Amino acid sequence: MSESGTSAAPTQVEKRLRAALAARAHSVRPADLRPLRPPTAAGPPRRVVLRRVAVGLLALAAVAALAFFTVRGETPHPAEPARSPSPTKHTPSPVPSPVRPTPEPTAGGPAG
């Protein structure tokens, strides 16, 4: 059984690939490696902080809008009933119509 998990013998391609990887691994020297740096206590990246602040502000704006439209949607107080118009202080006096003299009956009366 080969290392790949099959029962067949390794193929020519697998042999060449393993030989190339082994040669590359043996070519690495300690001078090629960089020293390991200890972990730092740095906070999260700036992008993560900005995203969290933006999400928080959007959530706050959504809550404020919801509260505004909820309060605004309340039924207003009923309107006051209409008042009857008050009489004006100066009411015009009726103007007398011109009086026409009525014709007086004649002494003989109507002929009839």
N, C-alpha and C. Protein backbone atom coordinates (compact mmCIF):
# COMPACT_ATOMS: atom_id res chain seq x y z
N MET A 1 0.85 -1.18 0.00
CA MET A 1 0.00 0.00 0.00
C MET A 1 0.89 1.23 0.00
N SER A 2 0.55 2.24 -0.84
CA SER A 2 1.36 3.46 -0.90
C SER A 2 0.85 4.46 0.13
N GLU A 3 1.54 5.57 0.28
CA GLU A 3 1.15 6.57 1.28
C GLU A 3 -0.14 7.29 0.89
N SER A 4 -0.52 7.22 -0.38
CA SER A 4 -1.73 7.90 -0.82
C SER A 4 -2.99 7.15 -0.41
N GLY A 5 -2.84 5.93 0.11
CA GLY A 5 -4.01 5.21 0.61
C GLY A 5 -4.52 4.19 -0.38
N THR A 6 -3.89 4.04 -1.53
CA THR A 6 -4.33 3.03 -2.48
C THR A 6 -3.43 1.81 -2.37
N SER A 7 -3.93 0.69 -2.82
CA SER A 7 -3.14 -0.54 -2.73
C SER A 7 -2.18 -0.69 -3.90
N ALA A 8 -2.31 0.11 -4.92
CA ALA A 8 -1.45 0.00 -6.09
C ALA A 8 -0.07 0.56 -5.79
N ALA A 9 0.89 0.16 -6.53
CA ALA A 9 2.26 0.66 -6.37
C ALA A 9 2.32 2.09 -6.87
N PRO A 10 3.23 2.92 -6.31
CA PRO A 10 3.30 4.32 -6.75
C PRO A 10 3.64 4.39 -8.24
N THR A 11 3.01 5.37 -8.90
CA THR A 11 3.25 5.55 -10.33
C THR A 11 4.51 6.34 -10.55
N GLN A 12 4.90 6.41 -11.81
CA GLN A 12 6.10 7.16 -12.16
C GLN A 12 5.94 8.64 -11.78
N VAL A 13 4.75 9.22 -11.95
CA VAL A 13 4.51 10.64 -11.63
C VAL A 13 4.67 10.86 -10.13
N GLU A 14 4.13 9.93 -9.32
CA GLU A 14 4.25 10.08 -7.86
C GLU A 14 5.71 10.02 -7.43
N LYS A 15 6.49 9.12 -8.04
CA LYS A 15 7.91 9.00 -7.69
C LYS A 15 8.66 10.29 -8.02
N ARG A 16 8.40 10.84 -9.19
CA ARG A 16 9.08 12.07 -9.60
C ARG A 16 8.66 13.25 -8.71
N LEU A 17 7.39 13.31 -8.35
CA LEU A 17 6.91 14.40 -7.50
C LEU A 17 7.54 14.32 -6.12
N ARG A 18 7.63 13.11 -5.54
CA ARG A 18 8.25 12.96 -4.23
C ARG A 18 9.73 13.32 -4.28
N ALA A 19 10.39 12.95 -5.34
CA ALA A 19 11.82 13.26 -5.46
C ALA A 19 12.02 14.77 -5.56
N ALA A 20 11.14 15.48 -6.30
CA ALA A 20 11.26 16.93 -6.45
C ALA A 20 10.99 17.63 -5.12
N LEU A 21 9.99 17.18 -4.39
CA LEU A 21 9.68 17.80 -3.09
C LEU A 21 10.80 17.55 -2.08
N ALA A 22 11.38 16.38 -2.09
CA ALA A 22 12.49 16.08 -1.17
C ALA A 22 13.71 16.93 -1.51
N ALA A 23 13.98 17.10 -2.80
CA ALA A 23 15.13 17.93 -3.20
C ALA A 23 14.91 19.37 -2.76
N ARG A 24 13.69 19.86 -2.91
CA ARG A 24 13.41 21.24 -2.50
C ARG A 24 13.53 21.39 -0.98
N ALA A 25 13.08 20.42 -0.23
CA ALA A 25 13.17 20.47 1.23
C ALA A 25 14.62 20.45 1.70
N HIS A 26 15.48 19.71 1.00
CA HIS A 26 16.89 19.64 1.40
C HIS A 26 17.66 20.88 0.97
N SER A 27 17.09 21.68 0.06
CA SER A 27 17.81 22.87 -0.40
C SER A 27 17.62 24.07 0.53
N VAL A 28 16.70 23.99 1.47
CA VAL A 28 16.44 25.09 2.39
C VAL A 28 17.48 25.05 3.50
N ARG A 29 18.13 26.20 3.75
CA ARG A 29 19.15 26.31 4.80
C ARG A 29 18.63 27.21 5.91
N PRO A 30 19.24 27.18 7.07
CA PRO A 30 18.80 28.05 8.17
C PRO A 30 18.86 29.52 7.82
N ALA A 31 19.74 29.93 6.94
CA ALA A 31 19.83 31.34 6.54
C ALA A 31 18.61 31.77 5.74
N ASP A 32 17.93 30.80 5.12
CA ASP A 32 16.73 31.12 4.33
C ASP A 32 15.50 31.37 5.21
N LEU A 33 15.56 30.93 6.44
CA LEU A 33 14.41 31.07 7.33
C LEU A 33 14.49 32.38 8.12
N ARG A 34 13.38 32.99 8.40
CA ARG A 34 13.37 34.20 9.21
C ARG A 34 13.09 33.81 10.66
N PRO A 35 13.58 34.59 11.60
CA PRO A 35 13.35 34.23 13.00
C PRO A 35 11.87 34.38 13.37
N LEU A 36 11.47 33.56 14.29
CA LEU A 36 10.08 33.59 14.75
C LEU A 36 9.89 34.79 15.67
N ARG A 37 8.86 35.60 15.38
CA ARG A 37 8.55 36.75 16.25
C ARG A 37 7.48 36.34 17.25
N PRO A 38 7.64 36.77 18.48
CA PRO A 38 6.60 36.44 19.46
C PRO A 38 5.32 37.21 19.14
N PRO A 39 4.18 36.66 19.49
CA PRO A 39 2.91 37.36 19.21
C PRO A 39 2.85 38.68 19.98
N THR A 40 2.24 39.66 19.35
CA THR A 40 2.08 40.97 19.99
C THR A 40 0.66 41.11 20.50
N ALA A 41 0.47 42.05 21.39
CA ALA A 41 -0.85 42.29 21.97
C ALA A 41 -1.61 43.34 21.17
N ALA A 42 -1.40 43.35 19.87
CA ALA A 42 -2.09 44.32 19.02
C ALA A 42 -3.58 43.99 18.97
N GLY A 43 -4.39 45.02 18.88
CA GLY A 43 -5.83 44.85 18.81
C GLY A 43 -6.24 44.37 17.43
N PRO A 44 -7.51 44.27 17.21
CA PRO A 44 -7.99 43.84 15.90
C PRO A 44 -7.61 44.86 14.82
N PRO A 45 -7.53 44.42 13.59
CA PRO A 45 -7.19 45.34 12.51
C PRO A 45 -8.18 46.50 12.41
N ARG A 46 -7.71 47.57 11.83
CA ARG A 46 -8.52 48.79 11.72
C ARG A 46 -9.82 48.54 10.95
N ARG A 47 -9.75 47.71 9.95
CA ARG A 47 -10.94 47.42 9.14
C ARG A 47 -12.03 46.77 9.99
N VAL A 48 -11.64 45.88 10.90
CA VAL A 48 -12.62 45.21 11.76
C VAL A 48 -13.25 46.22 12.71
N VAL A 49 -12.45 47.12 13.24
CA VAL A 49 -12.97 48.14 14.16
C VAL A 49 -13.95 49.05 13.43
N LEU A 50 -13.60 49.48 12.23
CA LEU A 50 -14.50 50.34 11.47
C LEU A 50 -15.80 49.63 11.13
N ARG A 51 -15.72 48.36 10.80
CA ARG A 51 -16.93 47.62 10.47
C ARG A 51 -17.84 47.51 11.69
N ARG A 52 -17.26 47.27 12.86
CA ARG A 52 -18.07 47.15 14.08
C ARG A 52 -18.72 48.48 14.43
N VAL A 53 -18.00 49.57 14.26
CA VAL A 53 -18.57 50.89 14.54
C VAL A 53 -19.69 51.19 13.56
N ALA A 54 -19.49 50.87 12.28
CA ALA A 54 -20.52 51.13 11.27
C ALA A 54 -21.78 50.32 11.55
N VAL A 55 -21.61 49.06 11.91
CA VAL A 55 -22.78 48.22 12.22
C VAL A 55 -23.50 48.75 13.45
N GLY A 56 -22.75 49.20 14.45
CA GLY A 56 -23.37 49.76 15.65
C GLY A 56 -24.16 51.03 15.34
N LEU A 57 -23.58 51.90 14.52
CA LEU A 57 -24.28 53.14 14.16
C LEU A 57 -25.53 52.86 13.34
N LEU A 58 -25.45 51.90 12.42
CA LEU A 58 -26.63 51.55 11.64
C LEU A 58 -27.74 50.97 12.52
N ALA A 59 -27.35 50.16 13.49
CA ALA A 59 -28.35 49.60 14.40
C ALA A 59 -28.99 50.71 15.24
N LEU A 60 -28.17 51.64 15.69
CA LEU A 60 -28.69 52.77 16.47
C LEU A 60 -29.64 53.62 15.64
N ALA A 61 -29.29 53.86 14.38
CA ALA A 61 -30.17 54.64 13.49
C ALA A 61 -31.48 53.91 13.24
N ALA A 62 -31.43 52.60 13.10
CA ALA A 62 -32.66 51.83 12.89
C ALA A 62 -33.57 51.90 14.11
N VAL A 63 -33.00 51.80 15.29
CA VAL A 63 -33.80 51.90 16.52
C VAL A 63 -34.40 53.30 16.66
N ALA A 64 -33.62 54.32 16.33
CA ALA A 64 -34.13 55.69 16.43
C ALA A 64 -35.27 55.91 15.43
N ALA A 65 -35.12 55.40 14.21
CA ALA A 65 -36.19 55.55 13.21
C ALA A 65 -37.44 54.80 13.64
N LEU A 66 -37.26 53.62 14.19
CA LEU A 66 -38.41 52.85 14.66
C LEU A 66 -39.14 53.58 15.79
N ALA A 67 -38.38 54.14 16.72
CA ALA A 67 -39.00 54.88 17.82
C ALA A 67 -39.71 56.13 17.30
N PHE A 68 -39.09 56.82 16.35
CA PHE A 68 -39.69 58.04 15.80
C PHE A 68 -41.02 57.73 15.12
N PHE A 69 -41.04 56.69 14.27
CA PHE A 69 -42.28 56.39 13.55
C PHE A 69 -43.32 55.76 14.45
N THR A 70 -42.91 55.12 15.52
CA THR A 70 -43.87 54.56 16.46
C THR A 70 -44.55 55.69 17.23
N VAL A 71 -43.79 56.65 17.71
CA VAL A 71 -44.36 57.77 18.45
C VAL A 71 -45.18 58.65 17.52
N ARG A 72 -44.69 58.83 16.31
CA ARG A 72 -45.39 59.69 15.34
C ARG A 72 -46.71 59.07 14.91
N GLY A 73 -46.82 57.76 14.94
CA GLY A 73 -48.01 57.08 14.47
C GLY A 73 -49.15 57.06 15.46
N GLU A 74 -48.94 57.59 16.67
CA GLU A 74 -50.02 57.60 17.65
C GLU A 74 -51.18 58.46 17.15
N THR A 75 -52.38 58.12 17.61
CA THR A 75 -53.55 58.89 17.20
C THR A 75 -53.51 60.25 17.88
N PRO A 76 -53.73 61.30 17.14
CA PRO A 76 -53.70 62.63 17.75
C PRO A 76 -54.96 62.85 18.58
N HIS A 77 -54.91 63.84 19.42
CA HIS A 77 -56.08 64.18 20.22
C HIS A 77 -57.19 64.64 19.29
N PRO A 78 -58.45 64.32 19.65
CA PRO A 78 -59.54 64.73 18.76
C PRO A 78 -59.61 66.26 18.66
N ALA A 79 -60.06 66.71 17.51
CA ALA A 79 -60.17 68.15 17.28
C ALA A 79 -61.28 68.73 18.15
N GLU A 80 -61.10 69.95 18.54
CA GLU A 80 -62.12 70.63 19.34
C GLU A 80 -63.36 70.84 18.47
N PRO A 81 -64.56 70.81 19.08
CA PRO A 81 -65.77 71.04 18.28
C PRO A 81 -65.79 72.47 17.76
N ALA A 82 -66.44 72.62 16.63
CA ALA A 82 -66.52 73.95 16.02
C ALA A 82 -67.39 74.85 16.89
N ARG A 83 -67.01 76.08 16.98
CA ARG A 83 -67.78 77.04 17.78
C ARG A 83 -68.73 77.80 16.85
N SER A 84 -69.88 78.18 17.42
CA SER A 84 -70.81 78.96 16.61
C SER A 84 -70.23 80.37 16.48
N PRO A 85 -70.44 80.99 15.36
CA PRO A 85 -69.86 82.32 15.19
C PRO A 85 -70.49 83.30 16.17
N SER A 86 -69.68 84.10 16.75
CA SER A 86 -70.19 85.08 17.70
C SER A 86 -70.74 86.28 16.93
N PRO A 87 -71.78 86.89 17.46
CA PRO A 87 -72.33 88.05 16.74
C PRO A 87 -71.33 89.18 16.75
N THR A 88 -71.39 89.95 15.69
CA THR A 88 -70.47 91.08 15.61
C THR A 88 -70.95 92.17 16.56
N LYS A 89 -70.04 92.96 17.01
CA LYS A 89 -70.38 94.00 17.98
C LYS A 89 -71.25 95.08 17.36
N HIS A 90 -71.06 95.36 16.14
CA HIS A 90 -71.83 96.40 15.49
C HIS A 90 -72.71 95.74 14.44
N THR A 91 -73.99 95.69 14.74
CA THR A 91 -74.91 95.14 13.76
C THR A 91 -75.51 96.29 12.99
N PRO A 92 -75.51 96.20 11.71
CA PRO A 92 -76.08 97.32 10.94
C PRO A 92 -77.58 97.44 11.19
N SER A 93 -78.01 98.67 11.32
CA SER A 93 -79.45 98.88 11.52
C SER A 93 -80.13 98.81 10.16
N PRO A 94 -81.35 98.33 10.16
CA PRO A 94 -82.03 98.22 8.86
C PRO A 94 -82.28 99.60 8.27
N VAL A 95 -82.06 99.69 7.02
CA VAL A 95 -82.27 100.96 6.32
C VAL A 95 -83.74 101.00 5.90
N PRO A 96 -84.46 102.07 6.31
CA PRO A 96 -85.88 102.11 5.91
C PRO A 96 -85.98 102.28 4.40
N SER A 97 -86.92 101.57 3.87
CA SER A 97 -87.12 101.69 2.43
C SER A 97 -87.91 102.97 2.17
N PRO A 98 -87.72 103.57 1.05
CA PRO A 98 -88.43 104.82 0.76
C PRO A 98 -89.95 104.57 0.74
N VAL A 99 -90.64 105.45 1.35
CA VAL A 99 -92.09 105.33 1.44
C VAL A 99 -92.70 106.04 0.24
N ARG A 100 -93.56 105.32 -0.45
CA ARG A 100 -94.23 105.95 -1.59
C ARG A 100 -95.62 106.39 -1.12
N PRO A 101 -95.92 107.53 -1.45
CA PRO A 101 -97.29 107.94 -1.05
C PRO A 101 -98.31 107.15 -1.84
N THR A 102 -99.28 106.70 -1.13
CA THR A 102 -100.34 105.94 -1.79
C THR A 102 -101.36 106.91 -2.34
N PRO A 103 -101.87 106.68 -3.47
CA PRO A 103 -102.89 107.61 -4.03
C PRO A 103 -104.14 107.58 -3.17
N GLU A 104 -104.62 108.76 -2.91
CA GLU A 104 -105.82 108.84 -2.09
C GLU A 104 -107.04 108.56 -2.97
N PRO A 105 -108.04 107.91 -2.36
CA PRO A 105 -109.24 107.63 -3.16
C PRO A 105 -109.96 108.94 -3.49
N THR A 106 -110.53 108.98 -4.59
CA THR A 106 -111.27 110.17 -5.00
C THR A 106 -112.61 110.22 -4.26
N ALA A 107 -113.17 111.38 -4.18
CA ALA A 107 -114.39 111.56 -3.40
C ALA A 107 -115.55 110.80 -3.96
N GLY A 108 -115.63 110.60 -5.20
CA GLY A 108 -116.75 109.89 -5.77
C GLY A 108 -116.60 108.41 -5.60
N GLY A 109 -115.46 107.95 -5.25
CA GLY A 109 -115.25 106.52 -5.09
C GLY A 109 -115.10 105.84 -6.41
N PRO A 110 -114.94 104.68 -6.37
CA PRO A 110 -114.77 103.95 -7.61
C PRO A 110 -116.09 103.87 -8.34
N ALA A 111 -115.99 103.99 -9.52
CA ALA A 111 -117.21 103.94 -10.31
C ALA A 111 -117.52 102.48 -10.58
N GLY A 112 -118.41 102.11 -10.02
CA GLY A 112 -118.68 100.74 -10.27
C GLY A 112 -119.95 100.25 -9.96
